[in-house]
Amino acid sequence: MILAQLSVYPIGEGVSVSRYVKEGIKAIKKSGYKYEIGGLSTVVEVPDLDALFLLVKNVHQAHLDQGAQRIVIDLKIDDRRDKDATIQTKRNSVQ
């Protein structure tokens, strides 16, 4: 399992970008992967890098479909191989 933190920012689209974010979240939801929305990013659990990059591509396309002309993507990947890591196990380890 791979955990990834994803933030996607359409640039030059005004102060509020919530309509872009909503469409990006719809793409994540459609993927069927477990995800958690935070204040500044979304964390997803995916089986492998191919699945992650396809998901990022779909979120990117959702922003383009809303008319974004410039998009910045911030992606952090946690590919832990020594044991299974999920959003919940990460949370449990610090509580």
PDB file of N, CA and C in Angstrom:
ATOM      1  N   MET A   1       0.851  -1.181   0.000  1.00  0.00           N
ATOM      2  CA  MET A   1       0.000   0.000   0.000  1.00  0.00           C
ATOM      3  C   MET A   1       0.890   1.234   0.000  1.00  0.00           C
ATOM      4  N   ILE A   2       0.535   2.189  -0.818  1.00  0.00           N
ATOM      5  CA  ILE A   2       1.234   3.466  -0.868  1.00  0.00           C
ATOM      6  C   ILE A   2       0.305   4.550  -0.340  1.00  0.00           C
ATOM      7  N   LEU A   3       0.846   5.406   0.508  1.00  0.00           N
ATOM      8  CA  LEU A   3       0.129   6.593   0.953  1.00  0.00           C
ATOM      9  C   LEU A   3       0.681   7.784   0.195  1.00  0.00           C
ATOM     10  N   ALA A   4      -0.201   8.662  -0.212  1.00  0.00           N
ATOM     11  CA  ALA A   4       0.238   9.862  -0.915  1.00  0.00           C
ATOM     12  C   ALA A   4      -0.564  11.060  -0.429  1.00  0.00           C
ATOM     13  N   GLN A   5       0.126  12.175  -0.331  1.00  0.00           N
ATOM     14  CA  GLN A   5      -0.511  13.446   0.007  1.00  0.00           C
ATOM     15  C   GLN A   5      -0.506  14.287  -1.248  1.00  0.00           C
ATOM     16  N   LEU A   6      -1.674  14.729  -1.648  1.00  0.00           N
ATOM     17  CA  LEU A   6      -1.846  15.424  -2.915  1.00  0.00           C
ATOM     18  C   LEU A   6      -2.487  16.790  -2.700  1.00  0.00           C
ATOM     19  N   SER A   7      -1.851  17.810  -3.244  1.00  0.00           N
ATOM     20  CA  SER A   7      -2.419  19.158  -3.279  1.00  0.00           C
ATOM     21  C   SER A   7      -2.333  19.638  -4.718  1.00  0.00           C
ATOM     22  N   VAL A   8      -3.433  20.131  -5.231  1.00  0.00           N
ATOM     23  CA  VAL A   8      -3.475  20.608  -6.612  1.00  0.00           C
ATOM     24  C   VAL A   8      -3.976  22.041  -6.588  1.00  0.00           C
ATOM     25  N   TYR A   9      -3.210  22.926  -7.227  1.00  0.00           N
ATOM     26  CA  TYR A   9      -3.516  24.350  -7.193  1.00  0.00           C
ATOM     27  C   TYR A   9      -3.644  24.914  -8.599  1.00  0.00           C
ATOM     28  N   PRO A  10      -4.840  25.313  -8.987  1.00  0.00           N
ATOM     29  CA  PRO A  10      -4.939  26.064 -10.248  1.00  0.00           C
ATOM     30  C   PRO A  10      -4.429  27.481  -9.993  1.00  0.00           C
ATOM     31  N   ILE A  11      -3.573  27.961 -10.843  1.00  0.00           N
ATOM     32  CA  ILE A  11      -2.952  29.275 -10.666  1.00  0.00           C
ATOM     33  C   ILE A  11      -3.637  30.302 -11.558  1.00  0.00           C
ATOM     34  N   GLY A  12      -3.818  31.503 -11.013  1.00  0.00           N
ATOM     35  CA  GLY A  12      -4.378  32.597 -11.798  1.00  0.00           C
ATOM     36  C   GLY A  12      -5.875  32.530 -11.975  1.00  0.00           C
ATOM     37  N   GLU A  13      -6.549  31.800 -11.082  1.00  0.00           N
ATOM     38  CA  GLU A  13      -8.000  31.618 -11.217  1.00  0.00           C
ATOM     39  C   GLU A  13      -8.790  32.372 -10.163  1.00  0.00           C
ATOM     40  N   GLY A  14      -8.179  33.359  -9.541  1.00  0.00           N
ATOM     41  CA  GLY A  14      -8.878  34.150  -8.539  1.00  0.00           C
ATOM     42  C   GLY A  14      -8.594  33.661  -7.130  1.00  0.00           C
ATOM     43  N   VAL A  15      -9.296  34.247  -6.187  1.00  0.00           N
ATOM     44  CA  VAL A  15      -9.068  33.956  -4.776  1.00  0.00           C
ATOM     45  C   VAL A  15      -9.641  32.599  -4.380  1.00  0.00           C
ATOM     46  N   SER A  16     -10.848  32.299  -4.794  1.00  0.00           N
ATOM     47  CA  SER A  16     -11.486  31.039  -4.435  1.00  0.00           C
ATOM     48  C   SER A  16     -11.292  30.005  -5.548  1.00  0.00           C
ATOM     49  N   VAL A  17     -10.775  28.850  -5.170  1.00  0.00           N
ATOM     50  CA  VAL A  17     -10.582  27.773  -6.151  1.00  0.00           C
ATOM     51  C   VAL A  17     -11.398  26.532  -5.772  1.00  0.00           C
ATOM     52  N   SER A  18     -12.410  26.718  -4.939  1.00  0.00           N
ATOM     53  CA  SER A  18     -13.176  25.574  -4.431  1.00  0.00           C
ATOM     54  C   SER A  18     -13.849  24.774  -5.539  1.00  0.00           C
ATOM     55  N   ARG A  19     -14.249  25.415  -6.619  1.00  0.00           N
ATOM     56  CA  ARG A  19     -14.912  24.650  -7.690  1.00  0.00           C
ATOM     57  C   ARG A  19     -13.938  23.663  -8.324  1.00  0.00           C
ATOM     58  N   TYR A  20     -12.666  24.023  -8.395  1.00  0.00           N
ATOM     59  CA  TYR A  20     -11.648  23.118  -8.922  1.00  0.00           C
ATOM     60  C   TYR A  20     -11.402  21.971  -7.943  1.00  0.00           C
ATOM     61  N   VAL A  21     -11.277  22.321  -6.687  1.00  0.00           N
ATOM     62  CA  VAL A  21     -11.025  21.315  -5.651  1.00  0.00           C
ATOM     63  C   VAL A  21     -12.168  20.304  -5.618  1.00  0.00           C
ATOM     64  N   LYS A  22     -13.393  20.771  -5.697  1.00  0.00           N
ATOM     65  CA  LYS A  22     -14.553  19.867  -5.679  1.00  0.00           C
ATOM     66  C   LYS A  22     -14.495  18.859  -6.814  1.00  0.00           C
ATOM     67  N   GLU A  23     -14.097  19.305  -7.983  1.00  0.00           N
ATOM     68  CA  GLU A  23     -14.007  18.384  -9.126  1.00  0.00           C
ATOM     69  C   GLU A  23     -12.843  17.409  -8.958  1.00  0.00           C
ATOM     70  N   GLY A  24     -11.762  17.877  -8.376  1.00  0.00           N
ATOM     71  CA  GLY A  24     -10.644  16.987  -8.090  1.00  0.00           C
ATOM     72  C   GLY A  24     -11.037  15.900  -7.093  1.00  0.00           C
ATOM     73  N   ILE A  25     -11.784  16.290  -6.069  1.00  0.00           N
ATOM     74  CA  ILE A  25     -12.259  15.325  -5.069  1.00  0.00           C
ATOM     75  C   ILE A  25     -13.214  14.324  -5.712  1.00  0.00           C
ATOM     76  N   LYS A  26     -14.042  14.780  -6.636  1.00  0.00           N
ATOM     77  CA  LYS A  26     -14.939  13.845  -7.345  1.00  0.00           C
ATOM     78  C   LYS A  26     -14.130  12.784  -8.088  1.00  0.00           C
ATOM     79  N   ALA A  27     -13.023  13.194  -8.698  1.00  0.00           N
ATOM     80  CA  ALA A  27     -12.166  12.240  -9.413  1.00  0.00           C
ATOM     81  C   ALA A  27     -11.554  11.234  -8.445  1.00  0.00           C
ATOM     82  N   ILE A  28     -11.157  11.696  -7.274  1.00  0.00           N
ATOM     83  CA  ILE A  28     -10.605  10.789  -6.267  1.00  0.00           C
ATOM     84  C   ILE A  28     -11.679   9.832  -5.778  1.00  0.00           C
ATOM     85  N   LYS A  29     -12.850  10.365  -5.482  1.00  0.00           N
ATOM     86  CA  LYS A  29     -13.960   9.528  -5.018  1.00  0.00           C
ATOM     87  C   LYS A  29     -14.307   8.468  -6.055  1.00  0.00           C
ATOM     88  N   LYS A  30     -14.329   8.847  -7.321  1.00  0.00           N
ATOM     89  CA  LYS A  30     -14.657   7.930  -8.415  1.00  0.00           C
ATOM     90  C   LYS A  30     -13.648   6.782  -8.514  1.00  0.00           C
ATOM     91  N   SER A  31     -12.420   7.022  -8.093  1.00  0.00           N
ATOM     92  CA  SER A  31     -11.376   5.995  -8.166  1.00  0.00           C
ATOM     93  C   SER A  31     -11.670   4.808  -7.255  1.00  0.00           C
ATOM     94  N   GLY A  32     -12.406   5.051  -6.189  1.00  0.00           N
ATOM     95  CA  GLY A  32     -12.706   3.990  -5.233  1.00  0.00           C
ATOM     96  C   GLY A  32     -11.649   3.802  -4.162  1.00  0.00           C
ATOM     97  N   TYR A  33     -10.563   4.554  -4.223  1.00  0.00           N
ATOM     98  CA  TYR A  33      -9.512   4.435  -3.215  1.00  0.00           C
ATOM     99  C   TYR A  33      -9.920   5.166  -1.949  1.00  0.00           C
ATOM    100  N   LYS A  34      -9.404   4.685  -0.830  1.00  0.00           N
ATOM    101  CA  LYS A  34      -9.658   5.356   0.436  1.00  0.00           C
ATOM    102  C   LYS A  34      -8.921   6.687   0.421  1.00  0.00           C
ATOM    103  N   TYR A  35      -9.575   7.728   0.905  1.00  0.00           N
ATOM    104  CA  TYR A  35      -8.962   9.056   0.942  1.00  0.00           C
ATOM    105  C   TYR A  35      -9.476   9.828   2.139  1.00  0.00           C
ATOM    106  N   GLU A  36      -8.754  10.870   2.491  1.00  0.00           N
ATOM    107  CA  GLU A  36      -9.132  11.743   3.589  1.00  0.00           C
ATOM    108  C   GLU A  36      -8.787  13.171   3.199  1.00  0.00           C
ATOM    109  N   ILE A  37      -9.764  14.037   3.257  1.00  0.00           N
ATOM    110  CA  ILE A  37      -9.586  15.437   2.886  1.00  0.00           C
ATOM    111  C   ILE A  37      -9.110  16.216   4.105  1.00  0.00           C
ATOM    112  N   GLY A  38      -8.041  16.990   3.916  1.00  0.00           N
ATOM    113  CA  GLY A  38      -7.543  17.869   4.956  1.00  0.00           C
ATOM    114  C   GLY A  38      -7.747  19.315   4.542  1.00  0.00           C
ATOM    115  N   GLY A  39      -7.322  20.216   5.373  1.00  0.00           N
ATOM    116  CA  GLY A  39      -7.489  21.636   5.096  1.00  0.00           C
ATOM    117  C   GLY A  39      -6.703  22.130   3.896  1.00  0.00           C
ATOM    118  N   LEU A  40      -5.548  21.511   3.640  1.00  0.00           N
ATOM    119  CA  LEU A  40      -4.675  21.974   2.565  1.00  0.00           C
ATOM    120  C   LEU A  40      -4.281  20.882   1.582  1.00  0.00           C
ATOM    121  N   SER A  41      -4.686  19.646   1.858  1.00  0.00           N
ATOM    122  CA  SER A  41      -4.306  18.544   0.975  1.00  0.00           C
ATOM    123  C   SER A  41      -5.245  17.366   1.205  1.00  0.00           C
ATOM    124  N   THR A  42      -5.094  16.374   0.366  1.00  0.00           N
ATOM    125  CA  THR A  42      -5.860  15.139   0.486  1.00  0.00           C
ATOM    126  C   THR A  42      -4.877  13.978   0.532  1.00  0.00           C
ATOM    127  N   VAL A  43      -5.117  13.037   1.429  1.00  0.00           N
ATOM    128  CA  VAL A  43      -4.294  11.839   1.537  1.00  0.00           C
ATOM    129  C   VAL A  43      -5.070  10.682   0.924  1.00  0.00           C
ATOM    130  N   VAL A  44      -4.377   9.874   0.123  1.00  0.00           N
ATOM    131  CA  VAL A  44      -5.009   8.714  -0.505  1.00  0.00           C
ATOM    132  C   VAL A  44      -4.168   7.467  -0.255  1.00  0.00           C
ATOM    133  N   GLU A  45      -4.851   6.323  -0.222  1.00  0.00           N
ATOM    134  CA  GLU A  45      -4.209   5.016  -0.157  1.00  0.00           C
ATOM    135  C   GLU A  45      -4.382   4.363  -1.516  1.00  0.00           C
ATOM    136  N   VAL A  46      -3.290   3.986  -2.144  1.00  0.00           N
ATOM    137  CA  VAL A  46      -3.347   3.342  -3.462  1.00  0.00           C
ATOM    138  C   VAL A  46      -2.453   2.099  -3.449  1.00  0.00           C
ATOM    139  N   PRO A  47      -2.727   1.142  -4.322  1.00  0.00           N
ATOM    140  CA  PRO A  47      -1.944  -0.091  -4.294  1.00  0.00           C
ATOM    141  C   PRO A  47      -0.524   0.029  -4.839  1.00  0.00           C
ATOM    142  N   ASP A  48      -0.292   0.952  -5.782  1.00  0.00           N
ATOM    143  CA  ASP A  48       1.034   1.048  -6.394  1.00  0.00           C
ATOM    144  C   ASP A  48       1.193   2.400  -7.094  1.00  0.00           C
ATOM    145  N   LEU A  49       2.395   2.655  -7.584  1.00  0.00           N
ATOM    146  CA  LEU A  49       2.684   3.936  -8.230  1.00  0.00           C
ATOM    147  C   LEU A  49       1.876   4.156  -9.507  1.00  0.00           C
ATOM    148  N   ASP A  50       1.658   3.096 -10.274  1.00  0.00           N
ATOM    149  CA  ASP A  50       0.862   3.248 -11.491  1.00  0.00           C
ATOM    150  C   ASP A  50      -0.529   3.767 -11.167  1.00  0.00           C
ATOM    151  N   ALA A  51      -1.137   3.202 -10.127  1.00  0.00           N
ATOM    152  CA  ALA A  51      -2.471   3.649  -9.715  1.00  0.00           C
ATOM    153  C   ALA A  51      -2.433   5.097  -9.237  1.00  0.00           C
ATOM    154  N   LEU A  52      -1.385   5.447  -8.491  1.00  0.00           N
ATOM    155  CA  LEU A  52      -1.254   6.813  -7.993  1.00  0.00           C
ATOM    156  C   LEU A  52      -1.123   7.809  -9.139  1.00  0.00           C
ATOM    157  N   PHE A  53      -0.253   7.508 -10.088  1.00  0.00           N
ATOM    158  CA  PHE A  53      -0.040   8.460 -11.176  1.00  0.00           C
ATOM    159  C   PHE A  53      -1.269   8.583 -12.073  1.00  0.00           C
ATOM    160  N   LEU A  54      -2.020   7.511 -12.239  1.00  0.00           N
ATOM    161  CA  LEU A  54      -3.275   7.596 -12.983  1.00  0.00           C
ATOM    162  C   LEU A  54      -4.271   8.469 -12.228  1.00  0.00           C
ATOM    163  N   LEU A  55      -4.327   8.315 -10.914  1.00  0.00           N
ATOM    164  CA  LEU A  55      -5.219   9.143 -10.107  1.00  0.00           C
ATOM    165  C   LEU A  55      -4.828  10.615 -10.211  1.00  0.00           C
ATOM    166  N   VAL A  56      -3.536  10.917 -10.093  1.00  0.00           N
ATOM    167  CA  VAL A  56      -3.071  12.306 -10.220  1.00  0.00           C
ATOM    168  C   VAL A  56      -3.430  12.852 -11.599  1.00  0.00           C
ATOM    169  N   LYS A  57      -3.259  12.049 -12.616  1.00  0.00           N
ATOM    170  CA  LYS A  57      -3.623  12.461 -13.977  1.00  0.00           C
ATOM    171  C   LYS A  57      -5.114  12.787 -14.065  1.00  0.00           C
ATOM    172  N   ASN A  58      -5.952  11.983 -13.430  1.00  0.00           N
ATOM    173  CA  ASN A  58      -7.395  12.222 -13.464  1.00  0.00           C
ATOM    174  C   ASN A  58      -7.789  13.486 -12.704  1.00  0.00           C
ATOM    175  N   VAL A  59      -7.129  13.732 -11.578  1.00  0.00           N
ATOM    176  CA  VAL A  59      -7.394  14.973 -10.828  1.00  0.00           C
ATOM    177  C   VAL A  59      -6.944  16.174 -11.655  1.00  0.00           C
ATOM    178  N   HIS A  60      -5.792  16.068 -12.271  1.00  0.00           N
ATOM    179  CA  HIS A  60      -5.280  17.123 -13.147  1.00  0.00           C
ATOM    180  C   HIS A  60      -6.284  17.417 -14.269  1.00  0.00           C
ATOM    181  N   GLN A  61      -6.799  16.361 -14.885  1.00  0.00           N
ATOM    182  CA  GLN A  61      -7.770  16.530 -15.965  1.00  0.00           C
ATOM    183  C   GLN A  61      -9.054  17.190 -15.465  1.00  0.00           C
ATOM    184  N   ALA A  62      -9.472  16.860 -14.256  1.00  0.00           N
ATOM    185  CA  ALA A  62     -10.667  17.482 -13.686  1.00  0.00           C
ATOM    186  C   ALA A  62     -10.493  18.993 -13.569  1.00  0.00           C
ATOM    187  N   HIS A  63      -9.291  19.432 -13.202  1.00  0.00           N
ATOM    188  CA  HIS A  63      -9.019  20.870 -13.132  1.00  0.00           C
ATOM    189  C   HIS A  63      -9.008  21.492 -14.529  1.00  0.00           C
ATOM    190  N   LEU A  64      -8.411  20.799 -15.472  1.00  0.00           N
ATOM    191  CA  LEU A  64      -8.420  21.302 -16.851  1.00  0.00           C
ATOM    192  C   LEU A  64      -9.840  21.418 -17.382  1.00  0.00           C
ATOM    193  N   ASP A  65     -10.663  20.431 -17.063  1.00  0.00           N
ATOM    194  CA  ASP A  65     -12.059  20.443 -17.519  1.00  0.00           C
ATOM    195  C   ASP A  65     -12.841  21.618 -16.951  1.00  0.00           C
ATOM    196  N   GLN A  66     -12.388  22.142 -15.807  1.00  0.00           N
ATOM    197  CA  GLN A  66     -13.022  23.318 -15.211  1.00  0.00           C
ATOM    198  C   GLN A  66     -12.477  24.622 -15.794  1.00  0.00           C
ATOM    199  N   GLY A  67     -11.496  24.503 -16.689  1.00  0.00           N
ATOM    200  CA  GLY A  67     -10.978  25.691 -17.355  1.00  0.00           C
ATOM    201  C   GLY A  67      -9.648  26.201 -16.841  1.00  0.00           C
ATOM    202  N   ALA A  68      -9.016  25.485 -15.921  1.00  0.00           N
ATOM    203  CA  ALA A  68      -7.722  25.939 -15.406  1.00  0.00           C
ATOM    204  C   ALA A  68      -6.709  26.020 -16.541  1.00  0.00           C
ATOM    205  N   GLN A  69      -5.943  27.085 -16.540  1.00  0.00           N
ATOM    206  CA  GLN A  69      -4.921  27.297 -17.563  1.00  0.00           C
ATOM    207  C   GLN A  69      -3.519  26.986 -17.069  1.00  0.00           C
ATOM    208  N   ARG A  70      -3.382  26.917 -15.738  1.00  0.00           N
ATOM    209  CA  ARG A  70      -2.083  26.593 -15.138  1.00  0.00           C
ATOM    210  C   ARG A  70      -2.346  25.855 -13.833  1.00  0.00           C
ATOM    211  N   ILE A  71      -1.652  24.743 -13.629  1.00  0.00           N
ATOM    212  CA  ILE A  71      -1.903  23.902 -12.460  1.00  0.00           C
ATOM    213  C   ILE A  71      -0.571  23.512 -11.832  1.00  0.00           C
ATOM    214  N   VAL A  72      -0.482  23.671 -10.517  1.00  0.00           N
ATOM    215  CA  VAL A  72       0.676  23.213  -9.761  1.00  0.00           C
ATOM    216  C   VAL A  72       0.227  22.023  -8.920  1.00  0.00           C
ATOM    217  N   ILE A  73       1.011  20.939  -8.963  1.00  0.00           N
ATOM    218  CA  ILE A  73       0.686  19.738  -8.205  1.00  0.00           C
ATOM    219  C   ILE A  73       1.815  19.471  -7.215  1.00  0.00           C
ATOM    220  N   ASP A  74       1.437  19.344  -5.949  1.00  0.00           N
ATOM    221  CA  ASP A  74       2.376  19.007  -4.885  1.00  0.00           C
ATOM    222  C   ASP A  74       2.034  17.586  -4.444  1.00  0.00           C
ATOM    223  N   LEU A  75       2.984  16.661  -4.607  1.00  0.00           N
ATOM    224  CA  LEU A  75       2.733  15.255  -4.326  1.00  0.00           C
ATOM    225  C   LEU A  75       3.824  14.710  -3.412  1.00  0.00           C
ATOM    226  N   LYS A  76       3.407  14.128  -2.296  1.00  0.00           N
ATOM    227  CA  LYS A  76       4.331  13.443  -1.390  1.00  0.00           C
ATOM    228  C   LYS A  76       3.926  11.972  -1.366  1.00  0.00           C
ATOM    229  N   ILE A  77       4.917  11.095  -1.442  1.00  0.00           N
ATOM    230  CA  ILE A  77       4.654   9.665  -1.515  1.00  0.00           C
ATOM    231  C   ILE A  77       5.361   8.956  -0.366  1.00  0.00           C
ATOM    232  N   ASP A  78       4.621   8.106   0.339  1.00  0.00           N
ATOM    233  CA  ASP A  78       5.177   7.270   1.395  1.00  0.00           C
ATOM    234  C   ASP A  78       4.998   5.817   0.960  1.00  0.00           C
ATOM    235  N   ASP A  79       6.067   5.215   0.452  1.00  0.00           N
ATOM    236  CA  ASP A  79       6.047   3.837  -0.021  1.00  0.00           C
ATOM    237  C   ASP A  79       6.824   2.983   0.979  1.00  0.00           C
ATOM    238  N   ARG A  80       6.141   2.592   2.031  1.00  0.00           N
ATOM    239  CA  ARG A  80       6.777   1.840   3.111  1.00  0.00           C
ATOM    240  C   ARG A  80       6.713   0.348   2.799  1.00  0.00           C
ATOM    241  N   ARG A  81       7.859  -0.315   2.819  1.00  0.00           N
ATOM    242  CA  ARG A  81       7.941  -1.719   2.430  1.00  0.00           C
ATOM    243  C   ARG A  81       8.084  -2.681   3.613  1.00  0.00           C
ATOM    244  N   ASP A  82       8.452  -2.168   4.794  1.00  0.00           N
ATOM    245  CA  ASP A  82       8.699  -3.078   5.918  1.00  0.00           C
ATOM    246  C   ASP A  82       7.439  -3.517   6.647  1.00  0.00           C
ATOM    247  N   LYS A  83       6.327  -2.790   6.467  1.00  0.00           N
ATOM    248  CA  LYS A  83       5.048  -3.195   7.045  1.00  0.00           C
ATOM    249  C   LYS A  83       3.934  -2.428   6.353  1.00  0.00           C
ATOM    250  N   ASP A  84       2.714  -2.929   6.513  1.00  0.00           N
ATOM    251  CA  ASP A  84       1.577  -2.242   5.915  1.00  0.00           C
ATOM    252  C   ASP A  84       1.335  -0.918   6.624  1.00  0.00           C
ATOM    253  N   ALA A  85       1.151   0.107   5.840  1.00  0.00           N
ATOM    254  CA  ALA A  85       0.850   1.431   6.387  1.00  0.00           C
ATOM    255  C   ALA A  85      -0.401   1.953   5.709  1.00  0.00           C
ATOM    256  N   THR A  86      -1.313   2.426   6.514  1.00  0.00           N
ATOM    257  CA  THR A  86      -2.551   3.019   6.009  1.00  0.00           C
ATOM    258  C   THR A  86      -2.746   4.370   6.679  1.00  0.00           C
ATOM    259  N   ILE A  87      -3.725   5.094   6.233  1.00  0.00           N
ATOM    260  CA  ILE A  87      -4.042   6.366   6.883  1.00  0.00           C
ATOM    261  C   ILE A  87      -4.304   6.122   8.365  1.00  0.00           C
ATOM    262  N   GLN A  88      -5.058   5.082   8.671  1.00  0.00           N
ATOM    263  CA  GLN A  88      -5.416   4.795  10.053  1.00  0.00           C
ATOM    264  C   GLN A  88      -4.208   4.364  10.896  1.00  0.00           C
ATOM    265  N   THR A  89      -3.338   3.522  10.353  1.00  0.00           N
ATOM    266  CA  THR A  89      -2.171   3.096  11.142  1.00  0.00           C
ATOM    267  C   THR A  89      -1.235   4.274  11.401  1.00  0.00           C
ATOM    268  N   LYS A  90      -1.114   5.176  10.447  1.00  0.00           N
ATOM    269  CA  LYS A  90      -0.294   6.374  10.652  1.00  0.00           C
ATOM    270  C   LYS A  90      -0.894   7.232  11.775  1.00  0.00           C
ATOM    271  N   ARG A  91      -2.209   7.390  11.746  1.00  0.00           N
ATOM    272  CA  ARG A  91      -2.876   8.182  12.779  1.00  0.00           C
ATOM    273  C   ARG A  91      -2.717   7.508  14.140  1.00  0.00           C
ATOM    274  N   ASN A  92      -2.919   6.192  14.188  1.00  0.00           N
ATOM    275  CA  ASN A  92      -2.802   5.469  15.458  1.00  0.00           C
ATOM    276  C   ASN A  92      -1.409   5.571  16.053  1.00  0.00           C
ATOM    277  N   SER A  93      -0.390   5.649  15.235  1.00  0.00           N
ATOM    278  CA  SER A  93       0.992   5.677  15.729  1.00  0.00           C
ATOM    279  C   SER A  93       1.331   6.955  16.465  1.00  0.00           C
ATOM    280  N   VAL A  94       0.546   7.994  16.275  1.00  0.00           N
ATOM    281  CA  VAL A  94       0.834   9.265  16.947  1.00  0.00           C
ATOM    282  C   VAL A  94      -0.227   9.669  17.980  1.00  0.00           C
ATOM    283  N   GLN A  95      -1.186   8.814  18.181  1.00  0.00           N
ATOM    284  CA  GLN A  95      -2.221   9.142  19.177  1.00  0.00           C
ATOM    285  C   GLN A  95      -2.002   8.389  20.458  1.00  0.00           C
TER     286      GLN A  95
END
